[in-house]
C-alpha atoms as a PDB file:
ATOM      1  CA  MET A   1     -92.695 159.702 126.565  1.00  0.00           C
ATOM      2  CA  PRO A   2     -95.356 157.465 125.011  1.00  0.00           C
ATOM      3  CA  SER A   3     -94.466 153.722 124.880  1.00  0.00           C
ATOM      4  CA  PHE A   4     -94.731 153.449 121.127  1.00  0.00           C
ATOM      5  CA  LEU A   5     -92.612 153.862 118.127  1.00  0.00           C
ATOM      6  CA  ARG A   6     -93.593 155.610 114.890  1.00  0.00           C
ATOM      7  CA  ALA A   7     -91.625 154.561 111.689  1.00  0.00           C
ATOM      8  CA  ARG A   8     -91.874 155.270 107.985  1.00  0.00           C
ATOM      9  CA  ALA A   9     -91.200 152.524 105.467  1.00  0.00           C
ATOM     10  CA  LEU A  10     -89.779 153.817 102.345  1.00  0.00           C
ATOM     11  CA  LEU A  11     -87.763 151.174 100.304  1.00  0.00           C
ATOM     12  CA  ASP A  12     -87.415 153.777  97.660  1.00  0.00           C
ATOM     13  CA  GLY A  13     -83.779 153.168  96.728  1.00  0.00           C
ATOM     14  CA  PRO A  14     -82.251 151.062  93.856  1.00  0.00           C
ATOM     15  CA  LEU A  15     -82.347 147.434  94.166  1.00  0.00           C
ATOM     16  CA  GLN A  16     -78.891 145.720  94.523  1.00  0.00           C
ATOM     17  CA  LYS A  17     -78.736 142.492  92.761  1.00  0.00           C
ATOM     18  CA  GLY A  18     -82.540 142.641  92.330  1.00  0.00           C
ATOM     19  CA  ALA A  19     -83.289 142.790  96.021  1.00  0.00           C
ATOM     20  CA  ALA A  20     -83.573 145.263  98.851  1.00  0.00           C
ATOM     21  CA  ALA A  21     -84.625 145.026 102.616  1.00  0.00           C
ATOM     22  CA  GLU A  22     -85.622 147.407 105.303  1.00  0.00           C
ATOM     23  CA  VAL A  23     -85.956 146.697 109.023  1.00  0.00           C
ATOM     24  CA  VAL A  24     -88.928 148.877 109.980  1.00  0.00           C
ATOM     25  CA  VAL A  25     -89.087 147.651 113.645  1.00  0.00           C
ATOM     26  CA  GLY A  26     -86.291 145.835 115.035  1.00  0.00           C
ATOM     27  CA  PRO A  27     -85.868 144.154 118.537  1.00  0.00           C
ATOM     28  CA  GLY A  28     -85.059 146.555 121.226  1.00  0.00           C
ATOM     29  CA  ALA A  29     -86.544 149.651 119.507  1.00  0.00           C
ATOM     30  CA  VAL A  30     -89.671 149.957 121.816  1.00  0.00           C
ATOM     31  CA  THR A  31     -90.889 146.425 121.464  1.00  0.00           C
ATOM     32  CA  ASP A  32     -88.379 143.806 122.514  1.00  0.00           C
ATOM     33  CA  LEU A  33     -90.661 140.893 121.143  1.00  0.00           C
ATOM     34  CA  CYS A  34     -91.494 142.118 117.786  1.00  0.00           C
ATOM     35  CA  HIS A  35     -89.624 142.232 114.296  1.00  0.00           C
ATOM     36  CA  PHE A  36     -90.995 143.794 111.156  1.00  0.00           C
ATOM     37  CA  GLN A  37     -89.123 143.892 107.886  1.00  0.00           C
ATOM     38  CA  LEU A  38     -90.194 144.760 104.269  1.00  0.00           C
ATOM     39  CA  VAL A  39     -88.367 143.064 101.278  1.00  0.00           C
ATOM     40  CA  SER A  40     -88.511 144.080  97.630  1.00  0.00           C
ATOM     41  CA  LEU A  41     -87.553 141.919  94.808  1.00  0.00           C
ATOM     42  CA  ALA A  42     -87.230 142.052  90.978  1.00  0.00           C
ATOM     43  CA  GLU A  43     -87.584 138.896  88.885  1.00  0.00           C
ATOM     44  CA  GLY A  44     -84.722 136.611  89.721  1.00  0.00           C
ATOM     45  CA  GLY A  45     -83.667 138.831  92.702  1.00  0.00           C
ATOM     46  CA  GLU A  46     -82.618 136.953  95.846  1.00  0.00           C
ATOM     47  CA  ILE A  47     -82.263 137.737  99.544  1.00  0.00           C
ATOM     48  CA  GLU A  48     -81.572 135.778 102.671  1.00  0.00           C
ATOM     49  CA  VAL A  49     -83.423 136.745 105.925  1.00  0.00           C
ATOM     50  CA  GLY A  50     -82.914 135.587 109.496  1.00  0.00           C
ATOM     51  CA  VAL A  51     -83.248 137.050 113.038  1.00  0.00           C
ATOM     52  CA  PRO A  52     -81.501 135.014 115.750  1.00  0.00           C
ATOM     53  CA  GLY A  53     -83.885 134.028 118.573  1.00  0.00           C
ATOM     54  CA  PHE A  54     -87.037 134.901 116.432  1.00  0.00           C
ATOM     55  CA  GLU A  55     -89.559 132.804 114.715  1.00  0.00           C
ATOM     56  CA  LEU A  56     -90.365 134.367 111.247  1.00  0.00           C
ATOM     57  CA  VAL A  57     -93.278 134.360 108.714  1.00  0.00           C
ATOM     58  CA  ALA A  58     -93.015 135.689 105.223  1.00  0.00           C
ATOM     59  CA  VAL A  59     -96.155 137.207 103.962  1.00  0.00           C
ATOM     60  CA  VAL A  60     -96.367 138.049 100.363  1.00  0.00           C
ATOM     61  CA  LEU A  61     -98.051 141.502  99.876  1.00  0.00           C
ATOM     62  CA  SER A  62     -97.729 141.548  96.241  1.00  0.00           C
ATOM     63  CA  GLY A  63     -96.123 139.597  93.359  1.00  0.00           C
ATOM     64  CA  GLN A  64     -94.625 136.040  93.787  1.00  0.00           C
ATOM     65  CA  VAL A  65     -91.531 134.308  95.249  1.00  0.00           C
ATOM     66  CA  ASP A  66     -90.044 131.081  95.828  1.00  0.00           C
ATOM     67  CA  VAL A  67     -89.097 130.429  99.527  1.00  0.00           C
ATOM     68  CA  ARG A  68     -86.389 128.170 100.616  1.00  0.00           C
ATOM     69  CA  VAL A  69     -86.272 127.338 104.334  1.00  0.00           C
ATOM     70  CA  GLY A  70     -84.933 124.413 106.367  1.00  0.00           C
ATOM     71  CA  GLY A  71     -84.007 122.361 103.252  1.00  0.00           C
ATOM     72  CA  GLN A  72     -87.648 122.795 101.854  1.00  0.00           C
ATOM     73  CA  VAL A  73     -88.628 124.762  98.842  1.00  0.00           C
ATOM     74  CA  PHE A  74     -92.164 126.431  98.668  1.00  0.00           C
ATOM     75  CA  SER A  75     -92.541 127.325  95.134  1.00  0.00           C
ATOM     76  CA  GLY A  76     -94.826 130.142  93.580  1.00  0.00           C
ATOM     77  CA  VAL A  77     -95.899 131.795  96.924  1.00  0.00           C
ATOM     78  CA  GLY A  78     -98.064 134.780  96.132  1.00  0.00           C
ATOM     79  CA  ARG A  79    -101.280 135.075  94.324  1.00  0.00           C
ATOM     80  CA  ARG A  80    -102.190 138.808  94.344  1.00  0.00           C
ATOM     81  CA  PRO A  81    -100.999 142.020  92.569  1.00  0.00           C
ATOM     82  CA  ASP A  82    -101.685 144.060  95.679  1.00  0.00           C
ATOM     83  CA  VAL A  83    -102.943 143.870  99.206  1.00  0.00           C
ATOM     84  CA  TRP A  84    -106.436 144.720  98.148  1.00  0.00           C
ATOM     85  CA  SER A  85    -106.892 141.825  95.690  1.00  0.00           C
ATOM     86  CA  GLY A  86    -107.486 138.723  97.708  1.00  0.00           C
ATOM     87  CA  GLN A  87    -105.865 137.038 100.590  1.00  0.00           C
ATOM     88  CA  ALA A  88    -102.141 136.596 101.475  1.00  0.00           C
ATOM     89  CA  ASP A  89     -99.998 133.648 100.636  1.00  0.00           C
ATOM     90  CA  SER A  90     -97.333 133.023 103.287  1.00  0.00           C
ATOM     91  CA  VAL A  91     -94.702 130.751 104.599  1.00  0.00           C
ATOM     92  CA  TYR A  92     -93.839 130.127 108.358  1.00  0.00           C
ATOM     93  CA  ALA A  93     -90.122 129.783 108.689  1.00  0.00           C
ATOM     94  CA  GLY A  94     -89.740 129.235 112.389  1.00  0.00           C
ATOM     95  CA  GLN A  95     -86.258 130.093 113.665  1.00  0.00           C
ATOM     96  CA  GLU A  96     -84.666 128.989 110.328  1.00  0.00           C
ATOM     97  CA  ARG A  97     -83.148 131.401 107.835  1.00  0.00           C
ATOM     98  CA  LEU A  98     -85.231 131.768 104.762  1.00  0.00           C
ATOM     99  CA  THR A  99     -84.233 132.733 101.209  1.00  0.00           C
ATOM    100  CA  LEU A 100     -86.510 134.624  98.875  1.00  0.00           C
ATOM    101  CA  VAL A 101     -86.337 134.566  95.090  1.00  0.00           C
ATOM    102  CA  GLY A 102     -88.418 136.938  93.016  1.00  0.00           C
ATOM    103  CA  ARG A 103     -90.611 135.276  90.350  1.00  0.00           C
ATOM    104  CA  GLN A 104     -92.244 138.465  88.995  1.00  0.00           C
ATOM    105  CA  PRO A 105     -90.963 141.890  87.924  1.00  0.00           C
ATOM    106  CA  ALA A 106     -91.896 143.450  91.289  1.00  0.00           C
ATOM    107  CA  THR A 107     -92.687 141.531  94.540  1.00  0.00           C
ATOM    108  CA  GLU A 108     -93.020 142.861  98.030  1.00  0.00           C
ATOM    109  CA  VAL A 109     -92.817 140.657 101.101  1.00  0.00           C
ATOM    110  CA  ALA A 110     -93.433 141.382 104.736  1.00  0.00           C
ATOM    111  CA  ILE A 111     -91.304 139.510 107.245  1.00  0.00           C
ATOM    112  CA  ALA A 112     -93.128 139.362 110.646  1.00  0.00           C
ATOM    113  CA  GLY A 113     -91.083 138.121 113.708  1.00  0.00           C
ATOM    114  CA  GLY A 114     -91.742 137.159 117.247  1.00  0.00           C
ATOM    115  CA  ARG A 115     -89.195 136.385 120.046  1.00  0.00           C
ATOM    116  CA  SER A 116     -89.229 132.697 120.667  1.00  0.00           C
ATOM    117  CA  ASP A 117     -87.180 129.969 122.425  1.00  0.00           C
ATOM    118  CA  GLN A 118     -89.056 127.127 120.665  1.00  0.00           C
ATOM    119  CA  ARG A 119     -88.408 125.563 117.385  1.00  0.00           C
ATOM    120  CA  PHE A 120     -91.164 124.536 114.949  1.00  0.00           C
ATOM    121  CA  ALA A 121     -91.183 122.943 111.414  1.00  0.00           C
ATOM    122  CA  PRO A 122     -91.696 125.326 108.510  1.00  0.00           C
ATOM    123  CA  PHE A 123     -95.150 125.291 106.749  1.00  0.00           C
ATOM    124  CA  ARG A 124     -97.018 127.171 104.127  1.00  0.00           C
ATOM    125  CA  VAL A 125    -100.258 129.221 104.826  1.00  0.00           C
ATOM    126  CA  LEU A 126    -102.365 129.236 101.771  1.00  0.00           C
ATOM    127  CA  PRO A 127    -104.914 132.093 100.977  1.00  0.00           C
ATOM    128  CA  GLU A 128    -107.866 129.591 101.484  1.00  0.00           C
ATOM    129  CA  GLU A 129    -106.671 128.701 104.832  1.00  0.00           C
ATOM    130  CA  LEU A 130    -107.025 132.029 106.233  1.00  0.00           C
ATOM    131  CA  GLU A 131    -109.836 132.612 108.832  1.00  0.00           C
ATOM    132  CA  MET A 132    -111.778 136.003 108.464  1.00  0.00           C
ATOM    133  CA  VAL A 133    -113.929 137.678 111.161  1.00  0.00           C
ATOM    134  CA  GLU A 134    -115.961 140.805 110.504  1.00  0.00           C
ATOM    135  CA  VAL A 135    -116.140 143.308 113.430  1.00  0.00           C
ATOM    136  CA  GLY A 136    -118.161 146.394 113.629  1.00  0.00           C
ATOM    137  CA  SER A 137    -120.820 147.724 111.187  1.00  0.00           C
ATOM    138  CA  ALA A 138    -121.249 150.583 108.777  1.00  0.00           C
ATOM    139  CA  ALA A 139    -123.922 152.003 111.071  1.00  0.00           C
ATOM    140  CA  THR A 140    -121.331 152.314 114.053  1.00  0.00           C
ATOM    141  CA  HIS A 141    -118.705 153.546 111.571  1.00  0.00           C
ATOM    142  CA  SER A 142    -116.492 150.612 112.787  1.00  0.00           C
ATOM    143  CA  ARG A 143    -116.748 147.996 110.038  1.00  0.00           C
ATOM    144  CA  ARG A 144    -113.512 145.974 109.450  1.00  0.00           C
ATOM    145  CA  ARG A 145    -112.528 142.568 108.323  1.00  0.00           C
ATOM    146  CA  ILE A 146    -109.542 140.643 109.957  1.00  0.00           C
ATOM    147  CA  PHE A 147    -107.936 137.828 108.084  1.00  0.00           C
ATOM    148  CA  HIS A 148    -105.770 135.668 110.213  1.00  0.00           C
ATOM    149  CA  ILE A 149    -102.621 134.371 108.633  1.00  0.00           C
ATOM    150  CA  LEU A 150    -101.078 132.999 111.910  1.00  0.00           C
ATOM    151  CA  GLY A 151    -103.885 132.490 114.302  1.00  0.00           C
ATOM    152  CA  GLN A 152    -105.595 129.405 115.557  1.00  0.00           C
ATOM    153  CA  ASN A 153    -104.466 127.531 112.492  1.00  0.00           C
ATOM    154  CA  ALA A 154    -100.876 127.702 113.999  1.00  0.00           C
ATOM    155  CA  ASN A 155    -101.751 126.340 117.501  1.00  0.00           C
ATOM    156  CA  GLY A 156     -99.169 123.888 118.391  1.00  0.00           C
ATOM    157  CA  ARG A 157     -97.138 124.747 115.311  1.00  0.00           C
ATOM    158  CA  ALA A 158     -95.834 128.147 116.314  1.00  0.00           C
ATOM    159  CA  GLY A 159     -94.812 130.073 119.316  1.00  0.00           C
ATOM    160  CA  ASN A 160     -96.427 133.208 120.476  1.00  0.00           C
ATOM    161  CA  LEU A 161     -96.446 135.104 117.097  1.00  0.00           C
ATOM    162  CA  LEU A 162     -99.858 136.083 115.823  1.00  0.00           C
ATOM    163  CA  VAL A 163    -100.037 137.770 112.212  1.00  0.00           C
ATOM    164  CA  SER A 164    -103.179 139.165 110.490  1.00  0.00           C
ATOM    165  CA  GLU A 165    -104.280 141.571 107.739  1.00  0.00           C
ATOM    166  CA  LEU A 166    -106.990 144.028 108.527  1.00  0.00           C
ATOM    167  CA  ARG A 167    -109.137 145.977 106.116  1.00  0.00           C
ATOM    168  CA  ALA A 168    -111.186 148.870 107.389  1.00  0.00           C
ATOM    169  CA  ASP A 169    -113.987 150.590 105.446  1.00  0.00           C
ATOM    170  CA  ALA A 170    -113.540 154.290 104.671  1.00  0.00           C
ATOM    171  CA  GLY A 171    -114.265 156.453 107.555  1.00  0.00           C
ATOM    172  CA  CYS A 172    -114.277 153.671 109.952  1.00  0.00           C
ATOM    173  CA  TRP A 173    -112.532 152.844 113.337  1.00  0.00           C
ATOM    174  CA  SER A 174    -110.643 149.841 114.266  1.00  0.00           C
ATOM    175  CA  GLY A 175    -109.017 148.671 117.381  1.00  0.00           C
ATOM    176  CA  TYR A 176    -112.177 150.006 118.710  1.00  0.00           C
ATOM    177  CA  PRO A 177    -113.594 150.058 121.510  1.00  0.00           C
ATOM    178  CA  PRO A 178    -110.152 151.207 122.847  1.00  0.00           C
ATOM    179  CA  HIS A 179    -108.185 148.202 124.113  1.00  0.00           C
ATOM    180  CA  LYS A 180    -104.893 147.180 125.643  1.00  0.00           C
ATOM    181  CA  HIS A 181    -103.016 143.929 126.204  1.00  0.00           C
ATOM    182  CA  ASP A 182    -100.010 144.932 128.336  1.00  0.00           C
ATOM    183  CA  GLU A 183    -100.589 142.961 131.634  1.00  0.00           C
ATOM    184  CA  GLU A 184    -100.530 139.244 132.360  1.00  0.00           C
ATOM    185  CA  ARG A 185    -103.538 138.767 134.436  1.00  0.00           C
ATOM    186  CA  PRO A 186    -105.659 135.936 132.677  1.00  0.00           C
ATOM    187  CA  PRO A 187    -108.420 135.363 131.961  1.00  0.00           C
ATOM    188  CA  GLU A 188    -109.070 139.082 131.681  1.00  0.00           C
ATOM    189  CA  GLU A 189    -105.887 140.207 129.914  1.00  0.00           C
ATOM    190  CA  THR A 190    -102.618 138.830 128.683  1.00  0.00           C
ATOM    191  CA  ALA A 191     -99.255 140.702 127.948  1.00  0.00           C
ATOM    192  CA  PHE A 192     -98.653 141.198 124.096  1.00  0.00           C
ATOM    193  CA  GLN A 193     -96.705 143.751 122.085  1.00  0.00           C
ATOM    194  CA  GLU A 194     -97.965 144.889 118.670  1.00  0.00           C
ATOM    195  CA  VAL A 195     -97.019 146.446 115.258  1.00  0.00           C
ATOM    196  CA  TYR A 196     -99.342 148.021 112.999  1.00  0.00           C
ATOM    197  CA  HIS A 197     -98.239 148.802 109.365  1.00  0.00           C
ATOM    198  CA  TYR A 198    -100.622 150.916 107.290  1.00  0.00           C
ATOM    199  CA  ARG A 199    -101.585 151.165 103.581  1.00  0.00           C
ATOM    200  CA  TYR A 200    -104.367 153.148 102.026  1.00  0.00           C
ATOM    201  CA  ARG A 201    -106.467 153.149  98.957  1.00  0.00           C
ATOM    202  CA  PRO A 202    -106.084 155.704  97.300  1.00  0.00           C
ATOM    203  CA  GLU A 203    -102.478 156.013  98.546  1.00  0.00           C
ATOM    204  CA  THR A 204    -103.088 159.673  99.304  1.00  0.00           C
ATOM    205  CA  GLY A 205    -105.383 158.419 102.078  1.00  0.00           C
ATOM    206  CA  PHE A 206    -104.701 159.022 105.810  1.00  0.00           C
ATOM    207  CA  GLY A 207    -106.203 158.380 109.308  1.00  0.00           C
ATOM    208  CA  ALA A 208    -105.166 158.745 112.853  1.00  0.00           C
ATOM    209  CA  GLN A 209    -103.459 156.683 115.413  1.00  0.00           C
ATOM    210  CA  LEU A 210    -104.508 157.308 118.990  1.00  0.00           C
ATOM    211  CA  TRP A 211    -102.664 156.257 122.124  1.00  0.00           C
ATOM    212  CA  TYR A 212    -103.057 156.628 125.893  1.00  0.00           C
ATOM    213  CA  GLU A 213    -102.417 154.907 129.221  1.00  0.00           C
ATOM    214  CA  PRO A 214    -105.124 154.395 131.754  1.00  0.00           C
ATOM    215  CA  ASP A 215    -104.287 157.574 133.644  1.00  0.00           C
ATOM    216  CA  GLY A 216    -102.237 159.362 130.911  1.00  0.00           C
ATOM    217  CA  GLU A 217    -102.869 162.213 128.343  1.00  0.00           C
ATOM    218  CA  PRO A 218    -103.935 160.944 125.154  1.00  0.00           C
ATOM    219  CA  VAL A 219    -101.822 161.638 121.994  1.00  0.00           C
ATOM    220  CA  ALA A 220    -102.749 161.412 118.217  1.00  0.00           C
ATOM    221  CA  HIS A 221    -100.751 161.061 115.095  1.00  0.00           C
ATOM    222  CA  VAL A 222    -101.755 161.236 111.528  1.00  0.00           C
ATOM    223  CA  THR A 223    -101.238 157.846 109.764  1.00  0.00           C
ATOM    224  CA  ARG A 224    -100.066 157.916 106.133  1.00  0.00           C
ATOM    225  CA  HIS A 225     -99.548 155.273 103.529  1.00  0.00           C
ATOM    226  CA  ARG A 226     -96.569 152.993 104.705  1.00  0.00           C
ATOM    227  CA  ASP A 227     -96.490 154.270 108.355  1.00  0.00           C
ATOM    228  CA  THR A 228     -95.722 151.858 111.074  1.00  0.00           C
ATOM    229  CA  PHE A 229     -96.473 151.996 114.768  1.00  0.00           C
ATOM    230  CA  ALA A 230     -95.236 149.647 117.511  1.00  0.00           C
ATOM    231  CA  PHE A 231     -96.785 149.431 120.849  1.00  0.00           C
ATOM    232  CA  GLU A 232     -95.375 148.130 124.105  1.00  0.00           C
ATOM    233  CA  ARG A 233     -98.320 149.156 126.217  1.00  0.00           C
ATOM    234  CA  GLY A 234    -101.464 151.447 126.333  1.00  0.00           C
ATOM    235  CA  TYR A 235    -104.871 151.746 124.542  1.00  0.00           C
ATOM    236  CA  HIS A 236    -104.393 152.150 120.696  1.00  0.00           C
ATOM    237  CA  PRO A 237    -107.571 152.773 118.717  1.00  0.00           C
ATOM    238  CA  THR A 238    -107.135 153.870 115.112  1.00  0.00           C
ATOM    239  CA  VAL A 239    -109.321 155.439 112.413  1.00  0.00           C
ATOM    240  CA  THR A 240    -109.318 156.310 108.715  1.00  0.00           C
ATOM    241  CA  SER A 241    -110.774 159.271 107.144  1.00  0.00           C
ATOM    242  CA  PRO A 242    -113.916 159.302 104.878  1.00  0.00           C
ATOM    243  CA  GLY A 243    -113.061 158.424 101.247  1.00  0.00           C
ATOM    244  CA  HIS A 244    -110.062 156.226 102.169  1.00  0.00           C
ATOM    245  CA  GLU A 245    -109.948 152.387 102.787  1.00  0.00           C
ATOM    246  CA  ALA A 246    -107.349 151.223 105.271  1.00  0.00           C
ATOM    247  CA  TYR A 247    -105.194 148.216 105.258  1.00  0.00           C
ATOM    248  CA  VAL A 248    -103.246 147.322 108.399  1.00  0.00           C
ATOM    249  CA  PHE A 249    -100.584 144.501 108.677  1.00  0.00           C
ATOM    250  CA  THR A 250    -100.703 143.428 112.128  1.00  0.00           C
ATOM    251  CA  ILE A 251     -98.070 141.557 114.188  1.00  0.00           C
ATOM    252  CA  ILE A 252     -99.041 140.595 117.801  1.00  0.00           C
ATOM    253  CA  VAL A 253     -96.404 138.749 120.012  1.00  0.00           C
ATOM    254  CA  GLY A 254     -97.317 137.413 123.449  1.00  0.00           C
ATOM    255  CA  ARG A 255     -94.760 137.553 126.278  1.00  0.00           C
ATOM    256  CA  HIS A 256     -95.897 134.354 128.120  1.00  0.00           C
ATOM    257  CA  GLN A 257     -98.396 132.683 125.917  1.00  0.00           C
ATOM    258  CA  ARG A 258    -100.159 132.471 122.524  1.00  0.00           C
ATOM    259  CA  SER A 259    -103.779 133.195 123.749  1.00  0.00           C
ATOM    260  CA  LEU A 260    -104.509 136.910 123.390  1.00  0.00           C
ATOM    261  CA  ARG A 261    -107.014 138.551 125.758  1.00  0.00           C
ATOM    262  CA  GLN A 262    -107.666 142.195 125.135  1.00  0.00           C
ATOM    263  CA  TRP A 263    -108.830 144.464 127.962  1.00  0.00           C
ATOM    264  CA  PHE A 264    -111.360 147.173 126.891  1.00  0.00           C
ATOM    265  CA  ASP A 265    -111.293 150.517 128.621  1.00  0.00           C
ATOM    266  CA  PRO A 266    -113.765 150.239 131.453  1.00  0.00           C
ATOM    267  CA  ARG A 267    -114.864 153.755 130.954  1.00  0.00           C
ATOM    268  CA  LEU A 268    -116.157 152.907 127.572  1.00  0.00           C
ATOM    269  CA  SER A 269    -117.504 149.466 128.438  1.00  0.00           C
ATOM    270  CA  TYR A 270    -121.061 150.305 127.048  1.00  0.00           C
ATOM    271  CA  LEU A 271    -119.535 150.385 123.592  1.00  0.00           C
ATOM    272  CA  GLN A 272    -119.121 146.509 123.820  1.00  0.00           C
ATOM    273  CA  ASP A 273    -122.946 146.299 123.487  1.00  0.00           C
ATOM    274  CA  VAL A 274    -122.956 148.846 120.488  1.00  0.00           C
ATOM    275  CA  ILE A 275    -120.044 147.311 118.399  1.00  0.00           C
ATOM    276  CA  PRO A 276    -121.123 143.928 116.889  1.00  0.00           C
ATOM    277  CA  GLY A 277    -118.764 141.090 116.372  1.00  0.00           C
ATOM    278  CA  LEU A 278    -116.337 141.766 119.352  1.00  0.00           C
ATOM    279  CA  SER A 279    -116.878 138.317 120.937  1.00  0.00           C
ATOM    280  CA  ALA A 280    -116.071 136.536 117.562  1.00  0.00           C
ATOM    281  CA  MET A 281    -112.977 138.645 117.264  1.00  0.00           C
ATOM    282  CA  GLN A 282    -111.755 137.679 120.716  1.00  0.00           C
ATOM    283  CA  ASP A 283    -112.436 134.107 120.101  1.00  0.00           C
ATOM    284  CA  LYS A 284    -110.203 134.096 116.905  1.00  0.00           C
ATOM    285  CA  PHE A 285    -107.288 135.423 118.904  1.00  0.00           C
ATOM    286  CA  LYS A 286    -107.465 132.889 121.621  1.00  0.00           C
END
């Protein structure tokens, strides 16, 4: 069986006391290092979130919340109506439990988590603090922009959890050339697990998630709005269909370190000279 998990995030039921939560990828499913949860809040709705042994970051996808964590209050977190309208506003909670309180009629928050035995102080990551790197080009059908929420800005302030948002142009590939990061053999490659959560514009959009191991048979799945994939190992390129922009919320967690080194499929090494921006992308993940 492929070493990945496909999940469907719905959150389509009624809110209880103004809040609802869904664990999309929990520890022990396929990835033992990653946690991914979605939270919906009405105005005034309140919910508490915590995962023992995991550091967490709350990323506001849409709307606005107050976040209480470790005796601190981060007020008015969230500045966009949807994931297409500007950059994320987030709060890193470390291993503390956090409480979210909705401040608008409809708010959605992504909770990203990584297994950690270290404790760090909470902090806020403002939209203007995000680092962006552009990879690929329209000519090579691979243009995407990666916005690092928890990247180099968290070195020394967080464990091995990396979180970013990716926006791919219509009809473009991402995670491309095909790469993996499932072996600890620095400096060529480091062992990380990963979660992809998809949104499309328009929401009827779709794409494809490919997956294969070095000597295995490739498999492919259609990706739809709100689909999620978790990877323990293997190459995992993805593509969106023409006419549909793709958004990918990405959680990457290192087994032994924070510095991510990707290994590109040697059979396709010539693509590294074709796709622009790969070196800059790798540098931002170090």
